[in-house]
Amino acid sequence: MNAEEARLVDATLRRLGIPGVVAPEDPENSASDWRVYDSADPAHREDTTADALAAVVAKFREANPEPPRKPRSGPMRGFIIPPDEK
């Protein structure tokens, strides 16, 4: 994730009460990829990105325990917008 995505992940983790420190992989380069760590100390931190993402999914499943409904079959209204071709 980049710095902007990391800001959103950090806000989501805080809102959901999930522990983690969102920081760049390379502490000297904020343009590097960002991950979720268990500590802010770059010398003693462990990557917990996968655990944090699993915790976010679990929180949303707690809030919405029913499986999503199947989409209706048959014709639907809508528009198909072709991509710009240059």
C-alpha atoms as a PDB file:
ATOM      1  CA  MET A   1       0.000   0.000   0.000  1.00  0.00           C
ATOM      2  CA  ASN A   2       1.126   3.550  -0.516  1.00  0.00           C
ATOM      3  CA  ALA A   3       1.093   6.404   2.018  1.00  0.00           C
ATOM      4  CA  GLU A   4      -2.482   7.510   1.241  1.00  0.00           C
ATOM      5  CA  GLU A   5      -3.827   3.968   1.480  1.00  0.00           C
ATOM      6  CA  ALA A   6      -1.848   3.538   4.711  1.00  0.00           C
ATOM      7  CA  ARG A   7      -3.574   6.578   6.207  1.00  0.00           C
ATOM      8  CA  LEU A   8      -6.964   5.012   5.479  1.00  0.00           C
ATOM      9  CA  VAL A   9      -5.886   1.634   6.882  1.00  0.00           C
ATOM     10  CA  ASP A  10      -4.578   3.314  10.039  1.00  0.00           C
ATOM     11  CA  ALA A  11      -7.867   5.166  10.532  1.00  0.00           C
ATOM     12  CA  THR A  12      -9.852   1.955   9.998  1.00  0.00           C
ATOM     13  CA  LEU A  13      -7.723  -0.006  12.462  1.00  0.00           C
ATOM     14  CA  ARG A  14      -8.174   2.700  15.091  1.00  0.00           C
ATOM     15  CA  ARG A  15     -11.918   2.927  14.516  1.00  0.00           C
ATOM     16  CA  LEU A  16     -12.292  -0.845  14.865  1.00  0.00           C
ATOM     17  CA  GLY A  17      -9.963  -1.067  17.877  1.00  0.00           C
ATOM     18  CA  ILE A  18      -7.453  -3.299  16.110  1.00  0.00           C
ATOM     19  CA  PRO A  19      -3.854  -2.857  17.283  1.00  0.00           C
ATOM     20  CA  GLY A  20      -1.123  -2.036  14.797  1.00  0.00           C
ATOM     21  CA  VAL A  21       1.246   0.641  13.606  1.00  0.00           C
ATOM     22  CA  VAL A  22       1.070   1.514   9.912  1.00  0.00           C
ATOM     23  CA  ALA A  23       4.508   2.489   8.641  1.00  0.00           C
ATOM     24  CA  PRO A  24       6.698   2.296   5.534  1.00  0.00           C
ATOM     25  CA  GLU A  25       8.811  -0.837   5.064  1.00  0.00           C
ATOM     26  CA  ASP A  26      11.851   1.406   4.716  1.00  0.00           C
ATOM     27  CA  PRO A  27      11.678   3.942   7.572  1.00  0.00           C
ATOM     28  CA  GLU A  28      13.980   6.276   5.631  1.00  0.00           C
ATOM     29  CA  ASN A  29      11.767   6.273   2.519  1.00  0.00           C
ATOM     30  CA  SER A  30       8.092   7.172   2.895  1.00  0.00           C
ATOM     31  CA  ALA A  31       7.587   6.381  -0.803  1.00  0.00           C
ATOM     32  CA  SER A  32       8.285   2.688  -0.140  1.00  0.00           C
ATOM     33  CA  ASP A  33       5.473   0.188   0.442  1.00  0.00           C
ATOM     34  CA  TRP A  34       3.663   0.480   3.758  1.00  0.00           C
ATOM     35  CA  ARG A  35       2.757  -2.374   6.120  1.00  0.00           C
ATOM     36  CA  VAL A  36       1.125  -2.910   9.520  1.00  0.00           C
ATOM     37  CA  TYR A  37       3.561  -3.646  12.366  1.00  0.00           C
ATOM     38  CA  ASP A  38       3.248  -4.588  16.021  1.00  0.00           C
ATOM     39  CA  SER A  39       5.600  -1.787  17.111  1.00  0.00           C
ATOM     40  CA  ALA A  40       6.738   1.605  15.906  1.00  0.00           C
ATOM     41  CA  ASP A  41      10.407   0.732  16.538  1.00  0.00           C
ATOM     42  CA  PRO A  42      11.884  -0.246  13.137  1.00  0.00           C
ATOM     43  CA  ALA A  43      14.622  -2.306  14.816  1.00  0.00           C
ATOM     44  CA  HIS A  44      12.245  -4.504  16.809  1.00  0.00           C
ATOM     45  CA  ARG A  45       9.004  -4.612  14.854  1.00  0.00           C
ATOM     46  CA  GLU A  46       7.221  -7.552  13.285  1.00  0.00           C
ATOM     47  CA  ASP A  47       5.003  -7.386  10.203  1.00  0.00           C
ATOM     48  CA  THR A  48       1.401  -8.073  11.231  1.00  0.00           C
ATOM     49  CA  THR A  49      -0.321  -6.917   8.033  1.00  0.00           C
ATOM     50  CA  ALA A  50      -2.006 -10.275   7.359  1.00  0.00           C
ATOM     51  CA  ASP A  51      -3.266 -10.514  10.954  1.00  0.00           C
ATOM     52  CA  ALA A  52      -4.593  -6.946  10.855  1.00  0.00           C
ATOM     53  CA  LEU A  53      -6.463  -7.569   7.596  1.00  0.00           C
ATOM     54  CA  ALA A  54      -7.941 -10.804   8.983  1.00  0.00           C
ATOM     55  CA  ALA A  55      -9.082  -8.897  12.090  1.00  0.00           C
ATOM     56  CA  VAL A  56     -10.796  -6.270   9.905  1.00  0.00           C
ATOM     57  CA  VAL A  57     -12.636  -9.005   7.980  1.00  0.00           C
ATOM     58  CA  ALA A  58     -13.664 -10.670  11.259  1.00  0.00           C
ATOM     59  CA  LYS A  59     -15.043  -7.365  12.602  1.00  0.00           C
ATOM     60  CA  PHE A  60     -17.166  -6.876   9.492  1.00  0.00           C
ATOM     61  CA  ARG A  61     -18.404 -10.467   9.644  1.00  0.00           C
ATOM     62  CA  GLU A  62     -19.426  -9.876  13.275  1.00  0.00           C
ATOM     63  CA  ALA A  63     -21.409  -6.836  12.182  1.00  0.00           C
ATOM     64  CA  ASN A  64     -22.984  -8.653   9.190  1.00  0.00           C
ATOM     65  CA  PRO A  65     -23.273 -12.358  10.030  1.00  0.00           C
ATOM     66  CA  GLU A  66     -25.711 -13.165   7.209  1.00  0.00           C
ATOM     67  CA  PRO A  67     -24.174 -14.178   3.897  1.00  0.00           C
ATOM     68  CA  PRO A  68     -24.745 -11.740   1.039  1.00  0.00           C
ATOM     69  CA  ARG A  69     -27.882 -12.286  -0.988  1.00  0.00           C
ATOM     70  CA  LYS A  70     -27.590 -13.771  -4.429  1.00  0.00           C
ATOM     71  CA  PRO A  71     -28.148 -11.294  -7.240  1.00  0.00           C
ATOM     72  CA  ARG A  72     -31.414 -11.598  -9.120  1.00  0.00           C
ATOM     73  CA  SER A  73     -31.288 -13.327 -12.443  1.00  0.00           C
ATOM     74  CA  GLY A  74     -32.830 -11.872 -15.550  1.00  0.00           C
ATOM     75  CA  PRO A  75     -32.627  -8.504 -17.249  1.00  0.00           C
ATOM     76  CA  MET A  76     -31.373  -5.518 -15.286  1.00  0.00           C
ATOM     77  CA  ARG A  77     -31.356  -1.816 -15.934  1.00  0.00           C
ATOM     78  CA  GLY A  78     -28.067  -0.051 -16.358  1.00  0.00           C
ATOM     79  CA  PHE A  79     -25.578   1.471 -18.693  1.00  0.00           C
ATOM     80  CA  ILE A  80     -22.453   0.107 -20.277  1.00  0.00           C
ATOM     81  CA  ILE A  81     -19.864   2.790 -20.708  1.00  0.00           C
ATOM     82  CA  PRO A  82     -17.066   1.810 -23.099  1.00  0.00           C
ATOM     83  CA  PRO A  83     -13.523   2.817 -22.130  1.00  0.00           C
ATOM     84  CA  ASP A  84     -11.935   5.834 -23.746  1.00  0.00           C
ATOM     85  CA  GLU A  85      -9.846   4.702 -26.669  1.00  0.00           C
ATOM     86  CA  LYS A  86      -7.070   6.950 -27.835  1.00  0.00           C
END
